[in-house]
Amino acid sequence: MAGHIAFIGLGSNLDDPRGQVSRALQALGSLPHSRVLAHSSLYRSAPVGYLDQPDFINAVARLETALSPRALLDALLELEQECGRTREFRNAPRTLDMDLLLYDDLRHHEHGLTIPHPQMHLRAFVLRPLLEIAEDCAIPGIGSAAAALQQCGDQELERVADAV
């Protein structure tokens, strides 16, 4: 497989969030022309935006894939739907959220897809798990993920478990 390296952010705060994220990490391995190279531990974080909801469980996976960015995103959205994801309103509680964070060193924008993910450098719940599996990671157009994490010092994040 002539592979591209992609990083996927995962989160859940409904219907057994730890189980949802762990099952989603396993499901990533079944995507066509893709394999999981690594994944982070699980982390608990407070909700962002809409605050009246349970805490989230988050993780990041490193994937080698021959899928294009759009095909990969479509596959992630399909996995979300299979897990019961609904989109009632922005930042609503969810069974599963999967974001395409990075794809090689690509900087890309089209309707419904921006790489790197436009908010990733502002979110400790993305950066700390990312750095756990890619300690020298750089975010195209932003810089070092480690430096970005330092700017998120006011965001509480708790490592809760190794992922399955």
N, C-alpha and C. Protein backbone atom coordinates (compact mmCIF):
# COMPACT_ATOMS: atom_id res chain seq x y z
N MET A 1 0.86 -1.18 0.00
CA MET A 1 0.00 0.00 0.00
C MET A 1 0.90 1.23 0.00
N ALA A 2 0.71 2.09 -1.01
CA ALA A 2 1.40 3.37 -1.04
C ALA A 2 0.61 4.28 -0.13
N GLY A 3 1.13 4.49 1.07
CA GLY A 3 0.31 5.12 2.08
C GLY A 3 0.62 6.56 2.37
N HIS A 4 -0.42 7.24 2.75
CA HIS A 4 -0.35 8.58 3.32
C HIS A 4 -0.52 8.42 4.82
N ILE A 5 0.01 9.35 5.58
CA ILE A 5 -0.16 9.33 7.03
C ILE A 5 -1.23 10.35 7.40
N ALA A 6 -2.24 9.85 8.10
CA ALA A 6 -3.34 10.70 8.55
C ALA A 6 -3.50 10.52 10.05
N PHE A 7 -3.90 11.59 10.72
CA PHE A 7 -4.22 11.54 12.14
C PHE A 7 -5.70 11.81 12.30
N ILE A 8 -6.35 10.96 13.09
CA ILE A 8 -7.79 11.02 13.30
C ILE A 8 -8.05 11.32 14.77
N GLY A 9 -8.86 12.34 15.05
CA GLY A 9 -9.30 12.63 16.40
C GLY A 9 -10.62 11.94 16.66
N LEU A 10 -10.77 11.33 17.83
CA LEU A 10 -11.99 10.64 18.19
C LEU A 10 -12.51 11.17 19.51
N GLY A 11 -13.82 11.27 19.64
CA GLY A 11 -14.42 11.71 20.89
C GLY A 11 -15.83 11.18 21.03
N SER A 12 -16.26 11.01 22.28
CA SER A 12 -17.61 10.55 22.59
C SER A 12 -17.97 11.01 23.99
N ASN A 13 -19.26 11.31 24.18
CA ASN A 13 -19.73 11.58 25.54
C ASN A 13 -21.12 10.99 25.80
N LEU A 14 -21.56 10.05 24.96
CA LEU A 14 -22.85 9.39 25.15
C LEU A 14 -22.70 7.87 24.99
N ASP A 15 -23.58 7.13 25.67
CA ASP A 15 -23.69 5.68 25.46
C ASP A 15 -22.36 4.96 25.61
N ASP A 16 -21.76 5.01 26.80
CA ASP A 16 -20.48 4.35 27.09
C ASP A 16 -19.35 4.95 26.26
N PRO A 17 -18.97 6.20 26.54
CA PRO A 17 -17.94 6.87 25.73
C PRO A 17 -16.63 6.10 25.60
N ARG A 18 -16.15 5.48 26.68
CA ARG A 18 -14.90 4.71 26.57
C ARG A 18 -15.06 3.58 25.56
N GLY A 19 -16.17 2.87 25.65
CA GLY A 19 -16.43 1.78 24.72
C GLY A 19 -16.59 2.28 23.29
N GLN A 20 -17.27 3.42 23.13
CA GLN A 20 -17.46 3.99 21.78
C GLN A 20 -16.12 4.30 21.13
N VAL A 21 -15.24 4.97 21.88
CA VAL A 21 -13.95 5.36 21.31
C VAL A 21 -13.09 4.12 21.06
N SER A 22 -13.09 3.18 21.99
CA SER A 22 -12.30 1.96 21.80
C SER A 22 -12.78 1.17 20.58
N ARG A 23 -14.09 1.03 20.42
CA ARG A 23 -14.63 0.32 19.25
C ARG A 23 -14.30 1.07 17.96
N ALA A 24 -14.36 2.39 18.00
CA ALA A 24 -14.05 3.19 16.81
C ALA A 24 -12.57 3.04 16.42
N LEU A 25 -11.69 2.98 17.41
CA LEU A 25 -10.27 2.76 17.12
C LEU A 25 -10.08 1.42 16.41
N GLN A 26 -10.79 0.41 16.85
CA GLN A 26 -10.71 -0.90 16.19
C GLN A 26 -11.30 -0.83 14.79
N ALA A 27 -12.41 -0.12 14.63
CA ALA A 27 -13.08 -0.01 13.33
C ALA A 27 -12.20 0.71 12.30
N LEU A 28 -11.35 1.63 12.76
CA LEU A 28 -10.46 2.31 11.82
C LEU A 28 -9.58 1.31 11.07
N GLY A 29 -9.23 0.22 11.73
CA GLY A 29 -8.41 -0.80 11.10
C GLY A 29 -9.12 -1.55 9.98
N SER A 30 -10.44 -1.42 9.91
CA SER A 30 -11.19 -2.10 8.86
C SER A 30 -11.49 -1.19 7.67
N LEU A 31 -11.04 0.05 7.71
CA LEU A 31 -11.26 0.93 6.57
C LEU A 31 -10.48 0.40 5.36
N PRO A 32 -11.03 0.55 4.17
CA PRO A 32 -10.33 0.03 2.99
C PRO A 32 -8.98 0.72 2.79
N HIS A 33 -7.99 -0.06 2.38
CA HIS A 33 -6.66 0.45 2.03
C HIS A 33 -6.05 1.28 3.16
N SER A 34 -6.31 0.87 4.39
CA SER A 34 -5.85 1.63 5.56
C SER A 34 -5.44 0.68 6.67
N ARG A 35 -4.52 1.15 7.52
CA ARG A 35 -4.18 0.41 8.73
C ARG A 35 -3.79 1.38 9.81
N VAL A 36 -4.14 1.03 11.04
CA VAL A 36 -3.81 1.85 12.20
C VAL A 36 -2.35 1.56 12.57
N LEU A 37 -1.55 2.60 12.63
CA LEU A 37 -0.14 2.47 13.01
C LEU A 37 0.05 2.65 14.51
N ALA A 38 -0.77 3.51 15.12
CA ALA A 38 -0.67 3.79 16.55
C ALA A 38 -1.94 4.50 16.99
N HIS A 39 -2.19 4.43 18.29
CA HIS A 39 -3.27 5.24 18.86
C HIS A 39 -2.88 5.63 20.28
N SER A 40 -3.44 6.72 20.70
CA SER A 40 -3.13 7.26 22.03
C SER A 40 -3.92 6.54 23.11
N SER A 41 -3.62 6.92 24.32
CA SER A 41 -4.45 6.55 25.46
C SER A 41 -5.78 7.30 25.34
N LEU A 42 -6.69 6.99 26.26
CA LEU A 42 -7.96 7.72 26.33
C LEU A 42 -7.82 8.86 27.34
N TYR A 43 -8.45 9.97 27.01
CA TYR A 43 -8.40 11.16 27.86
C TYR A 43 -9.81 11.68 28.10
N ARG A 44 -10.04 12.20 29.31
CA ARG A 44 -11.32 12.84 29.65
C ARG A 44 -11.13 14.35 29.55
N SER A 45 -12.10 15.00 28.89
CA SER A 45 -12.05 16.46 28.76
C SER A 45 -13.44 17.05 28.95
N ALA A 46 -13.46 18.29 29.36
CA ALA A 46 -14.72 19.01 29.51
C ALA A 46 -15.24 19.40 28.12
N PRO A 47 -16.55 19.53 27.98
CA PRO A 47 -17.10 19.94 26.69
C PRO A 47 -16.67 21.36 26.32
N VAL A 48 -16.67 21.63 25.02
CA VAL A 48 -16.33 22.96 24.48
C VAL A 48 -17.56 23.49 23.77
N GLY A 49 -17.81 24.78 23.89
CA GLY A 49 -18.96 25.38 23.20
C GLY A 49 -20.22 25.22 24.02
N TYR A 50 -20.96 24.16 23.80
CA TYR A 50 -22.16 23.85 24.56
C TYR A 50 -21.74 23.09 25.82
N LEU A 51 -21.87 23.73 26.98
CA LEU A 51 -21.27 23.20 28.21
C LEU A 51 -22.19 22.28 29.01
N ASP A 52 -23.50 22.32 28.77
CA ASP A 52 -24.45 21.55 29.55
C ASP A 52 -24.57 20.12 29.00
N GLN A 53 -23.48 19.37 29.14
CA GLN A 53 -23.42 18.00 28.66
C GLN A 53 -22.30 17.27 29.39
N PRO A 54 -22.27 15.94 29.31
CA PRO A 54 -21.23 15.17 30.01
C PRO A 54 -19.84 15.43 29.42
N ASP A 55 -18.81 15.10 30.22
CA ASP A 55 -17.43 15.15 29.74
C ASP A 55 -17.25 14.18 28.58
N PHE A 56 -16.21 14.43 27.80
CA PHE A 56 -15.88 13.60 26.65
C PHE A 56 -14.72 12.66 26.96
N ILE A 57 -14.69 11.55 26.26
CA ILE A 57 -13.53 10.69 26.19
C ILE A 57 -12.95 10.90 24.79
N ASN A 58 -11.64 11.17 24.73
CA ASN A 58 -10.97 11.49 23.47
C ASN A 58 -9.74 10.61 23.26
N ALA A 59 -9.37 10.47 22.00
CA ALA A 59 -8.14 9.77 21.61
C ALA A 59 -7.75 10.26 20.23
N VAL A 60 -6.53 9.91 19.81
CA VAL A 60 -6.05 10.20 18.46
C VAL A 60 -5.42 8.93 17.91
N ALA A 61 -5.67 8.67 16.63
CA ALA A 61 -5.08 7.52 15.94
C ALA A 61 -4.22 8.00 14.78
N ARG A 62 -3.14 7.27 14.54
CA ARG A 62 -2.27 7.50 13.38
C ARG A 62 -2.57 6.39 12.39
N LEU A 63 -2.91 6.78 11.18
CA LEU A 63 -3.37 5.86 10.16
C LEU A 63 -2.48 5.95 8.94
N GLU A 64 -2.17 4.81 8.34
CA GLU A 64 -1.59 4.80 7.01
C GLU A 64 -2.73 4.45 6.07
N THR A 65 -2.92 5.24 5.02
CA THR A 65 -4.06 5.02 4.14
C THR A 65 -3.71 5.36 2.69
N ALA A 66 -4.33 4.64 1.79
CA ALA A 66 -4.25 4.97 0.37
C ALA A 66 -5.48 5.77 -0.06
N LEU A 67 -6.41 6.00 0.86
CA LEU A 67 -7.61 6.78 0.56
C LEU A 67 -7.25 8.25 0.40
N SER A 68 -7.96 8.93 -0.47
CA SER A 68 -7.82 10.38 -0.58
C SER A 68 -8.38 11.03 0.67
N PRO A 69 -8.05 12.30 0.93
CA PRO A 69 -8.63 12.96 2.10
C PRO A 69 -10.16 12.93 2.10
N ARG A 70 -10.80 13.18 0.97
CA ARG A 70 -12.27 13.18 0.91
C ARG A 70 -12.83 11.78 1.16
N ALA A 71 -12.22 10.76 0.54
CA ALA A 71 -12.69 9.39 0.75
C ALA A 71 -12.51 8.97 2.21
N LEU A 72 -11.42 9.38 2.82
CA LEU A 72 -11.19 9.07 4.23
C LEU A 72 -12.23 9.76 5.10
N LEU A 73 -12.48 11.03 4.86
CA LEU A 73 -13.49 11.74 5.64
C LEU A 73 -14.85 11.08 5.47
N ASP A 74 -15.21 10.72 4.26
CA ASP A 74 -16.49 10.05 4.02
C ASP A 74 -16.59 8.74 4.80
N ALA A 75 -15.49 7.99 4.85
CA ALA A 75 -15.47 6.73 5.60
C ALA A 75 -15.63 7.00 7.10
N LEU A 76 -15.01 8.06 7.60
CA LEU A 76 -15.15 8.42 9.02
C LEU A 76 -16.59 8.81 9.33
N LEU A 77 -17.20 9.58 8.46
CA LEU A 77 -18.60 9.99 8.68
C LEU A 77 -19.53 8.79 8.67
N GLU A 78 -19.23 7.81 7.82
CA GLU A 78 -20.03 6.59 7.78
C GLU A 78 -19.89 5.81 9.09
N LEU A 79 -18.67 5.72 9.62
CA LEU A 79 -18.47 5.07 10.91
C LEU A 79 -19.24 5.79 12.02
N GLU A 80 -19.22 7.11 12.00
CA GLU A 80 -19.99 7.88 12.98
C GLU A 80 -21.47 7.49 12.92
N GLN A 81 -22.01 7.45 11.73
CA GLN A 81 -23.43 7.12 11.57
C GLN A 81 -23.72 5.71 12.06
N GLU A 82 -22.84 4.76 11.77
CA GLU A 82 -23.02 3.38 12.22
C GLU A 82 -23.06 3.31 13.74
N CYS A 83 -22.41 4.26 14.40
CA CYS A 83 -22.38 4.30 15.87
C CYS A 83 -23.52 5.16 16.43
N GLY A 84 -24.42 5.60 15.59
CA GLY A 84 -25.59 6.33 16.07
C GLY A 84 -25.42 7.83 16.15
N ARG A 85 -24.43 8.39 15.49
CA ARG A 85 -24.20 9.84 15.55
C ARG A 85 -25.35 10.60 14.91
N THR A 86 -25.86 11.57 15.63
CA THR A 86 -26.82 12.52 15.08
C THR A 86 -26.23 13.91 15.24
N ARG A 87 -26.68 14.83 14.42
CA ARG A 87 -26.18 16.20 14.45
C ARG A 87 -27.35 17.15 14.71
N GLU A 88 -27.72 17.25 16.00
CA GLU A 88 -28.87 18.05 16.37
C GLU A 88 -28.55 19.55 16.36
N PHE A 89 -27.39 19.91 16.85
CA PHE A 89 -26.94 21.30 16.84
C PHE A 89 -25.43 21.31 17.06
N ARG A 90 -24.81 22.45 16.78
CA ARG A 90 -23.36 22.57 16.90
C ARG A 90 -22.91 22.26 18.33
N ASN A 91 -21.85 21.44 18.45
CA ASN A 91 -21.26 21.06 19.74
C ASN A 91 -22.21 20.26 20.63
N ALA A 92 -23.20 19.60 20.02
CA ALA A 92 -24.15 18.79 20.78
C ALA A 92 -23.46 17.54 21.32
N PRO A 93 -24.04 16.92 22.35
CA PRO A 93 -23.53 15.63 22.81
C PRO A 93 -23.54 14.63 21.64
N ARG A 94 -22.62 13.66 21.68
CA ARG A 94 -22.56 12.71 20.56
C ARG A 94 -22.03 11.35 20.98
N THR A 95 -22.51 10.34 20.28
CA THR A 95 -22.03 8.99 20.52
C THR A 95 -20.61 8.85 20.00
N LEU A 96 -20.32 9.48 18.85
CA LEU A 96 -18.99 9.39 18.29
C LEU A 96 -18.74 10.57 17.37
N ASP A 97 -17.56 11.15 17.50
CA ASP A 97 -17.11 12.22 16.63
C ASP A 97 -15.72 11.82 16.14
N MET A 98 -15.54 11.82 14.83
CA MET A 98 -14.24 11.49 14.25
C MET A 98 -13.84 12.62 13.31
N ASP A 99 -12.68 13.21 13.58
CA ASP A 99 -12.20 14.33 12.77
C ASP A 99 -10.90 13.95 12.08
N LEU A 100 -10.81 14.30 10.80
CA LEU A 100 -9.56 14.18 10.07
C LEU A 100 -8.71 15.39 10.45
N LEU A 101 -7.69 15.16 11.27
CA LEU A 101 -6.88 16.26 11.81
C LEU A 101 -5.78 16.67 10.84
N LEU A 102 -4.99 15.68 10.41
CA LEU A 102 -3.84 15.92 9.55
C LEU A 102 -3.80 14.84 8.48
N TYR A 103 -3.28 15.19 7.32
CA TYR A 103 -3.09 14.25 6.22
C TYR A 103 -1.78 14.63 5.56
N ASP A 104 -0.75 13.82 5.83
CA ASP A 104 0.62 14.17 5.42
C ASP A 104 0.89 15.62 5.86
N ASP A 105 1.49 16.42 5.00
CA ASP A 105 1.74 17.83 5.31
C ASP A 105 0.77 18.73 4.56
N LEU A 106 -0.35 18.16 4.17
CA LEU A 106 -1.32 18.85 3.31
C LEU A 106 -1.98 20.03 4.01
N ARG A 107 -2.13 21.10 3.26
CA ARG A 107 -2.98 22.23 3.64
C ARG A 107 -4.03 22.30 2.55
N HIS A 108 -5.29 22.14 2.93
CA HIS A 108 -6.35 21.97 1.94
C HIS A 108 -7.66 22.49 2.50
N HIS A 109 -8.46 23.11 1.63
CA HIS A 109 -9.81 23.52 2.03
C HIS A 109 -10.76 23.33 0.86
N GLU A 110 -11.85 22.65 1.15
CA GLU A 110 -12.97 22.52 0.22
C GLU A 110 -14.22 22.45 1.09
N HIS A 111 -15.37 22.52 0.49
CA HIS A 111 -16.61 22.48 1.26
C HIS A 111 -16.64 21.24 2.16
N GLY A 112 -16.76 21.45 3.46
CA GLY A 112 -16.87 20.35 4.41
C GLY A 112 -15.57 19.68 4.82
N LEU A 113 -14.44 20.15 4.30
CA LEU A 113 -13.16 19.51 4.62
C LEU A 113 -12.04 20.55 4.63
N THR A 114 -11.47 20.74 5.80
CA THR A 114 -10.30 21.61 5.94
C THR A 114 -9.21 20.83 6.65
N ILE A 115 -8.02 20.82 6.04
CA ILE A 115 -6.85 20.13 6.61
C ILE A 115 -5.71 21.13 6.65
N PRO A 116 -5.04 21.28 7.81
CA PRO A 116 -5.34 20.64 9.07
C PRO A 116 -6.68 21.10 9.63
N HIS A 117 -7.22 20.27 10.54
CA HIS A 117 -8.50 20.62 11.16
C HIS A 117 -8.37 22.02 11.75
N PRO A 118 -9.31 22.91 11.44
CA PRO A 118 -9.12 24.34 11.78
C PRO A 118 -9.05 24.68 13.26
N GLN A 119 -9.53 23.82 14.16
CA GLN A 119 -9.50 24.13 15.59
C GLN A 119 -8.51 23.28 16.38
N MET A 120 -7.82 22.36 15.71
CA MET A 120 -7.02 21.39 16.45
C MET A 120 -5.92 22.01 17.30
N HIS A 121 -5.34 23.10 16.84
CA HIS A 121 -4.23 23.72 17.58
C HIS A 121 -4.70 24.46 18.83
N LEU A 122 -6.02 24.56 19.02
CA LEU A 122 -6.60 25.25 20.17
C LEU A 122 -7.15 24.29 21.22
N ARG A 123 -6.99 22.98 20.99
CA ARG A 123 -7.66 21.99 21.82
C ARG A 123 -6.69 21.00 22.45
N ALA A 124 -6.54 21.09 23.76
CA ALA A 124 -5.65 20.17 24.47
C ALA A 124 -6.09 18.72 24.28
N PHE A 125 -7.40 18.49 24.16
CA PHE A 125 -7.89 17.11 24.01
C PHE A 125 -7.54 16.50 22.65
N VAL A 126 -7.05 17.31 21.74
CA VAL A 126 -6.50 16.82 20.48
C VAL A 126 -4.98 16.76 20.58
N LEU A 127 -4.38 17.82 21.08
CA LEU A 127 -2.92 17.94 21.05
C LEU A 127 -2.19 16.96 21.95
N ARG A 128 -2.66 16.77 23.18
CA ARG A 128 -1.93 15.86 24.07
C ARG A 128 -1.96 14.43 23.55
N PRO A 129 -3.13 13.87 23.15
CA PRO A 129 -3.09 12.51 22.58
C PRO A 129 -2.28 12.44 21.28
N LEU A 130 -2.33 13.48 20.48
CA LEU A 130 -1.53 13.53 19.25
C LEU A 130 -0.05 13.43 19.57
N LEU A 131 0.39 14.23 20.53
CA LEU A 131 1.81 14.24 20.89
C LEU A 131 2.24 12.93 21.56
N GLU A 132 1.31 12.22 22.16
CA GLU A 132 1.63 10.92 22.75
C GLU A 132 2.11 9.93 21.68
N ILE A 133 1.56 10.03 20.47
CA ILE A 133 1.91 9.09 19.40
C ILE A 133 2.76 9.71 18.29
N ALA A 134 2.97 11.02 18.35
CA ALA A 134 3.79 11.72 17.35
C ALA A 134 4.43 12.92 18.01
N GLU A 135 5.46 12.65 18.82
CA GLU A 135 6.01 13.70 19.70
C GLU A 135 6.63 14.88 18.96
N ASP A 136 7.03 14.70 17.72
CA ASP A 136 7.62 15.80 16.96
C ASP A 136 6.66 16.38 15.93
N CYS A 137 5.38 16.15 16.13
CA CYS A 137 4.37 16.54 15.14
C CYS A 137 4.34 18.06 14.94
N ALA A 138 4.26 18.44 13.68
CA ALA A 138 4.06 19.84 13.31
C ALA A 138 2.72 19.96 12.60
N ILE A 139 2.05 21.06 12.83
CA ILE A 139 0.77 21.33 12.20
C ILE A 139 1.02 22.32 11.07
N PRO A 140 0.79 21.91 9.81
CA PRO A 140 1.06 22.81 8.68
C PRO A 140 0.36 24.16 8.86
N GLY A 141 1.13 25.23 8.69
CA GLY A 141 0.59 26.57 8.82
C GLY A 141 0.53 27.09 10.25
N ILE A 142 0.77 26.20 11.23
CA ILE A 142 0.69 26.57 12.65
C ILE A 142 2.06 26.45 13.31
N GLY A 143 2.68 25.29 13.14
CA GLY A 143 3.98 25.02 13.77
C GLY A 143 3.90 23.81 14.67
N SER A 144 4.75 23.77 15.65
CA SER A 144 4.88 22.65 16.56
C SER A 144 3.60 22.40 17.34
N ALA A 145 3.16 21.13 17.35
CA ALA A 145 1.99 20.77 18.16
C ALA A 145 2.31 20.95 19.65
N ALA A 146 3.56 20.71 20.04
CA ALA A 146 3.95 20.88 21.44
C ALA A 146 3.83 22.34 21.86
N ALA A 147 4.24 23.26 21.00
CA ALA A 147 4.11 24.69 21.31
C ALA A 147 2.64 25.08 21.38
N ALA A 148 1.82 24.53 20.50
CA ALA A 148 0.38 24.82 20.53
C ALA A 148 -0.23 24.33 21.84
N LEU A 149 0.20 23.14 22.31
CA LEU A 149 -0.33 22.61 23.56
C LEU A 149 0.00 23.53 24.73
N GLN A 150 1.17 24.15 24.72
CA GLN A 150 1.54 25.07 25.80
C GLN A 150 0.56 26.23 25.88
N GLN A 151 -0.05 26.60 24.76
CA GLN A 151 -1.01 27.70 24.75
C GLN A 151 -2.38 27.26 25.27
N CYS A 152 -2.54 25.96 25.52
CA CYS A 152 -3.82 25.42 26.01
C CYS A 152 -3.74 25.05 27.48
N GLY A 153 -2.84 25.67 28.21
CA GLY A 153 -2.58 25.31 29.60
C GLY A 153 -3.77 25.42 30.52
N ASP A 154 -4.77 26.22 30.16
CA ASP A 154 -5.94 26.39 31.02
C ASP A 154 -7.00 25.32 30.80
N GLN A 155 -6.78 24.41 29.85
CA GLN A 155 -7.74 23.36 29.55
C GLN A 155 -7.39 22.08 30.31
N GLU A 156 -8.32 21.64 31.15
CA GLU A 156 -8.07 20.43 31.94
C GLU A 156 -8.27 19.20 31.09
N LEU A 157 -7.36 18.26 31.28
CA LEU A 157 -7.39 17.01 30.54
C LEU A 157 -6.84 15.93 31.44
N GLU A 158 -7.52 14.80 31.50
CA GLU A 158 -7.09 13.71 32.38
C GLU A 158 -6.95 12.43 31.57
N ARG A 159 -5.76 11.82 31.64
CA ARG A 159 -5.56 10.52 31.01
C ARG A 159 -6.31 9.50 31.85
N VAL A 160 -7.21 8.74 31.24
CA VAL A 160 -8.04 7.83 32.01
C VAL A 160 -7.73 6.36 31.79
N ALA A 161 -7.19 6.01 30.63
CA ALA A 161 -6.93 4.58 30.38
C ALA A 161 -6.16 4.42 29.08
N ASP A 162 -5.52 3.26 28.97
CA ASP A 162 -4.99 2.86 27.67
C ASP A 162 -6.18 2.44 26.82
N ALA A 163 -6.12 2.73 25.55
CA ALA A 163 -7.17 2.29 24.65
C ALA A 163 -6.99 0.82 24.33
N VAL A 164 -8.08 0.18 23.97
CA VAL A 164 -8.06 -1.25 23.63
C VAL A 164 -7.31 -1.47 22.34
